[in-house]
Amino acid sequence: MTTQTHINIHLLAFGQIADIIGQSTINYSTPDTLLAFKTKIENDYPLLSKIVYRIAINKKMALEDTDLHEADELALLPPFSGG
C-alpha cells in the first residue's frame, strides 16, 4: 500500500469557478498528482464536477497525468470564448 504525498499549492480561480469556491485565490493542500487534485477539489466543491474547466500549472495548460510540486500555481479556467 502506498501513501499519497500531500503538498501545498497556490490556487487561482476565475469566473464561475471563483464563485463556486467563494474566492479567487487560496492556498490549498492537495495530493501530488493533477488527477488526485481534481478528485479532491471536486469532492471539496461538488459543483465543480458539473462544469467543464481546464487547469494550468505555472501558466501552462496541463494534462491529468502531470505531477504537482510544492508551491506550484494552479489556475482553474472556466470555458471561455473570444474574438
N, C-alpha and C. Protein backbone atom coordinates (compact mmCIF):
# COMPACT_ATOMS: atom_id res chain seq x y z
N MET A 1 0.85 -1.19 0.00
CA MET A 1 0.00 0.00 0.00
C MET A 1 0.89 1.24 0.00
N THR A 2 0.61 2.19 -0.91
CA THR A 2 1.40 3.41 -0.97
C THR A 2 0.65 4.54 -0.28
N THR A 3 1.43 5.42 0.30
CA THR A 3 0.86 6.60 0.93
C THR A 3 1.01 7.75 -0.03
N GLN A 4 -0.07 8.49 -0.22
CA GLN A 4 -0.02 9.61 -1.14
C GLN A 4 0.53 10.84 -0.42
N THR A 5 1.47 11.50 -1.05
CA THR A 5 2.07 12.71 -0.50
C THR A 5 1.15 13.90 -0.75
N HIS A 6 1.02 14.76 0.26
CA HIS A 6 0.27 15.99 0.09
C HIS A 6 1.26 17.16 0.04
N ILE A 7 0.95 18.11 -0.81
CA ILE A 7 1.78 19.30 -0.97
C ILE A 7 0.88 20.53 -0.87
N ASN A 8 1.49 21.69 -0.75
CA ASN A 8 0.75 22.95 -0.73
C ASN A 8 0.96 23.66 -2.05
N ILE A 9 -0.16 24.08 -2.64
CA ILE A 9 -0.12 24.81 -3.91
C ILE A 9 -0.87 26.12 -3.74
N HIS A 10 -0.67 27.03 -4.68
CA HIS A 10 -1.41 28.28 -4.73
C HIS A 10 -2.44 28.12 -5.83
N LEU A 11 -3.70 28.31 -5.50
CA LEU A 11 -4.80 28.06 -6.43
C LEU A 11 -5.44 29.37 -6.85
N LEU A 12 -5.55 29.58 -8.16
CA LEU A 12 -6.24 30.73 -8.73
C LEU A 12 -7.53 30.23 -9.37
N ALA A 13 -8.63 30.89 -9.10
CA ALA A 13 -9.92 30.50 -9.67
C ALA A 13 -10.50 31.70 -10.40
N PHE A 14 -11.12 31.44 -11.54
CA PHE A 14 -11.66 32.51 -12.37
C PHE A 14 -13.14 32.27 -12.66
N GLY A 15 -13.86 33.36 -12.91
CA GLY A 15 -15.26 33.30 -13.34
C GLY A 15 -16.13 32.50 -12.39
N GLN A 16 -16.95 31.62 -12.95
CA GLN A 16 -17.90 30.85 -12.16
C GLN A 16 -17.20 29.91 -11.18
N ILE A 17 -15.95 29.55 -11.47
CA ILE A 17 -15.21 28.69 -10.54
C ILE A 17 -14.90 29.45 -9.27
N ALA A 18 -14.51 30.72 -9.38
CA ALA A 18 -14.29 31.54 -8.19
C ALA A 18 -15.58 31.68 -7.39
N ASP A 19 -16.71 31.78 -8.08
CA ASP A 19 -18.00 31.86 -7.39
C ASP A 19 -18.28 30.58 -6.61
N ILE A 20 -17.97 29.43 -7.20
CA ILE A 20 -18.20 28.14 -6.55
C ILE A 20 -17.30 27.99 -5.32
N ILE A 21 -16.04 28.34 -5.48
CA ILE A 21 -15.08 28.19 -4.38
C ILE A 21 -15.27 29.28 -3.32
N GLY A 22 -15.77 30.43 -3.74
CA GLY A 22 -16.02 31.52 -2.80
C GLY A 22 -14.89 32.52 -2.70
N GLN A 23 -13.85 32.33 -3.49
CA GLN A 23 -12.74 33.27 -3.53
C GLN A 23 -11.91 33.01 -4.78
N SER A 24 -11.07 33.96 -5.14
CA SER A 24 -10.32 33.80 -6.37
C SER A 24 -8.90 33.26 -6.16
N THR A 25 -8.38 33.34 -4.94
CA THR A 25 -7.06 32.78 -4.65
C THR A 25 -7.08 32.12 -3.28
N ILE A 26 -6.50 30.93 -3.21
CA ILE A 26 -6.35 30.26 -1.91
C ILE A 26 -5.08 29.41 -1.94
N ASN A 27 -4.55 29.16 -0.76
CA ASN A 27 -3.51 28.15 -0.61
C ASN A 27 -4.24 26.85 -0.30
N TYR A 28 -3.82 25.77 -0.92
CA TYR A 28 -4.59 24.54 -0.89
C TYR A 28 -3.66 23.35 -0.72
N SER A 29 -4.00 22.46 0.19
CA SER A 29 -3.24 21.23 0.38
C SER A 29 -3.86 20.15 -0.49
N THR A 30 -3.03 19.48 -1.27
CA THR A 30 -3.53 18.53 -2.26
C THR A 30 -2.59 17.34 -2.43
N PRO A 31 -3.11 16.22 -2.90
CA PRO A 31 -2.21 15.14 -3.32
C PRO A 31 -1.29 15.65 -4.43
N ASP A 32 -0.24 14.90 -4.73
CA ASP A 32 0.80 15.41 -5.62
C ASP A 32 0.66 15.04 -7.10
N THR A 33 -0.55 14.68 -7.53
CA THR A 33 -0.80 14.50 -8.96
C THR A 33 -2.02 15.33 -9.35
N LEU A 34 -2.06 15.74 -10.60
CA LEU A 34 -3.17 16.56 -11.05
C LEU A 34 -4.50 15.82 -11.00
N LEU A 35 -4.50 14.54 -11.36
CA LEU A 35 -5.72 13.76 -11.31
C LEU A 35 -6.24 13.66 -9.87
N ALA A 36 -5.36 13.42 -8.91
CA ALA A 36 -5.77 13.36 -7.50
C ALA A 36 -6.24 14.73 -7.00
N PHE A 37 -5.59 15.80 -7.47
CA PHE A 37 -6.03 17.15 -7.13
C PHE A 37 -7.46 17.38 -7.61
N LYS A 38 -7.72 17.01 -8.86
CA LYS A 38 -9.04 17.23 -9.43
C LYS A 38 -10.11 16.46 -8.65
N THR A 39 -9.81 15.24 -8.26
CA THR A 39 -10.74 14.46 -7.45
C THR A 39 -10.99 15.15 -6.11
N LYS A 40 -9.93 15.62 -5.46
CA LYS A 40 -10.06 16.27 -4.15
C LYS A 40 -10.84 17.57 -4.25
N ILE A 41 -10.52 18.41 -5.22
CA ILE A 41 -11.20 19.71 -5.32
C ILE A 41 -12.68 19.52 -5.65
N GLU A 42 -12.99 18.51 -6.47
CA GLU A 42 -14.40 18.27 -6.79
C GLU A 42 -15.15 17.63 -5.62
N ASN A 43 -14.45 16.93 -4.74
CA ASN A 43 -15.08 16.46 -3.50
C ASN A 43 -15.31 17.62 -2.54
N ASP A 44 -14.35 18.54 -2.47
CA ASP A 44 -14.48 19.70 -1.59
C ASP A 44 -15.53 20.68 -2.11
N TYR A 45 -15.65 20.80 -3.42
CA TYR A 45 -16.59 21.74 -4.06
C TYR A 45 -17.36 20.97 -5.14
N PRO A 46 -18.40 20.21 -4.77
CA PRO A 46 -19.09 19.31 -5.70
C PRO A 46 -19.64 19.98 -6.97
N LEU A 47 -19.96 21.26 -6.92
CA LEU A 47 -20.47 21.92 -8.13
C LEU A 47 -19.43 21.96 -9.26
N LEU A 48 -18.15 21.87 -8.91
CA LEU A 48 -17.11 21.86 -9.94
C LEU A 48 -17.24 20.66 -10.86
N SER A 49 -17.73 19.54 -10.34
CA SER A 49 -17.85 18.35 -11.18
C SER A 49 -18.95 18.48 -12.22
N LYS A 50 -19.76 19.51 -12.12
CA LYS A 50 -20.86 19.72 -13.05
C LYS A 50 -20.52 20.68 -14.18
N ILE A 51 -19.31 21.25 -14.15
CA ILE A 51 -18.91 22.18 -15.22
C ILE A 51 -17.62 21.69 -15.88
N VAL A 52 -17.38 22.20 -17.06
CA VAL A 52 -16.14 21.88 -17.78
C VAL A 52 -15.15 22.99 -17.47
N TYR A 53 -13.95 22.59 -17.10
CA TYR A 53 -12.91 23.58 -16.85
C TYR A 53 -11.55 22.98 -17.19
N ARG A 54 -10.59 23.85 -17.42
CA ARG A 54 -9.22 23.43 -17.72
C ARG A 54 -8.34 23.85 -16.55
N ILE A 55 -7.18 23.22 -16.48
CA ILE A 55 -6.24 23.52 -15.41
C ILE A 55 -4.89 23.87 -16.01
N ALA A 56 -4.34 24.98 -15.55
CA ALA A 56 -2.98 25.38 -15.94
C ALA A 56 -2.09 25.27 -14.70
N ILE A 57 -0.89 24.79 -14.91
CA ILE A 57 0.11 24.72 -13.84
C ILE A 57 1.24 25.66 -14.22
N ASN A 58 1.49 26.62 -13.35
CA ASN A 58 2.55 27.60 -13.59
C ASN A 58 2.43 28.22 -14.99
N LYS A 59 1.19 28.59 -15.33
CA LYS A 59 0.84 29.30 -16.56
C LYS A 59 0.94 28.46 -17.84
N LYS A 60 0.97 27.12 -17.68
CA LYS A 60 0.98 26.24 -18.85
C LYS A 60 -0.16 25.23 -18.70
N MET A 61 -0.91 25.01 -19.78
CA MET A 61 -2.01 24.05 -19.74
C MET A 61 -1.45 22.68 -19.39
N ALA A 62 -2.22 21.94 -18.56
CA ALA A 62 -1.71 20.67 -18.04
C ALA A 62 -2.64 19.51 -18.38
N LEU A 63 -2.05 18.33 -18.42
CA LEU A 63 -2.78 17.08 -18.61
C LEU A 63 -2.95 16.41 -17.26
N GLU A 64 -3.96 15.53 -17.15
CA GLU A 64 -4.28 14.91 -15.87
C GLU A 64 -3.16 14.05 -15.30
N ASP A 65 -2.25 13.57 -16.12
CA ASP A 65 -1.18 12.71 -15.59
C ASP A 65 0.04 13.50 -15.11
N THR A 66 -0.08 14.81 -14.98
CA THR A 66 1.01 15.67 -14.55
C THR A 66 1.22 15.58 -13.04
N ASP A 67 2.49 15.53 -12.63
CA ASP A 67 2.83 15.57 -11.21
C ASP A 67 2.84 17.01 -10.74
N LEU A 68 2.43 17.21 -9.50
CA LEU A 68 2.45 18.54 -8.89
C LEU A 68 3.63 18.63 -7.92
N HIS A 69 4.08 19.85 -7.71
CA HIS A 69 5.22 20.10 -6.82
C HIS A 69 4.86 21.19 -5.82
N GLU A 70 5.51 21.14 -4.69
CA GLU A 70 5.30 22.13 -3.64
C GLU A 70 5.39 23.54 -4.24
N ALA A 71 4.42 24.38 -3.90
CA ALA A 71 4.35 25.80 -4.30
C ALA A 71 3.99 26.02 -5.76
N ASP A 72 3.56 24.98 -6.49
CA ASP A 72 3.05 25.20 -7.85
C ASP A 72 1.86 26.14 -7.79
N GLU A 73 1.64 26.85 -8.89
CA GLU A 73 0.47 27.71 -9.02
C GLU A 73 -0.48 27.04 -10.02
N LEU A 74 -1.67 26.69 -9.55
CA LEU A 74 -2.68 26.08 -10.41
C LEU A 74 -3.78 27.09 -10.67
N ALA A 75 -4.17 27.21 -11.91
CA ALA A 75 -5.26 28.09 -12.30
C ALA A 75 -6.40 27.22 -12.83
N LEU A 76 -7.59 27.42 -12.29
CA LEU A 76 -8.80 26.73 -12.76
C LEU A 76 -9.49 27.67 -13.72
N LEU A 77 -9.60 27.26 -14.95
CA LEU A 77 -10.09 28.12 -16.03
C LEU A 77 -11.43 27.62 -16.55
N PRO A 78 -12.46 28.45 -16.42
CA PRO A 78 -13.77 28.06 -16.96
C PRO A 78 -13.75 28.16 -18.48
N PRO A 79 -14.78 27.61 -19.12
CA PRO A 79 -14.85 27.77 -20.58
C PRO A 79 -14.87 29.26 -20.95
N PHE A 80 -14.22 29.61 -22.03
CA PHE A 80 -14.24 30.99 -22.47
C PHE A 80 -14.22 31.02 -23.98
N SER A 81 -14.67 32.12 -24.51
CA SER A 81 -14.62 32.31 -25.96
C SER A 81 -14.15 33.73 -26.21
N GLY A 82 -13.69 33.97 -27.37
CA GLY A 82 -13.20 35.31 -27.68
C GLY A 82 -13.16 35.52 -29.17
N GLY A 83 -12.84 36.72 -29.53
CA GLY A 83 -12.79 37.02 -30.95
C GLY A 83 -11.49 37.56 -31.38
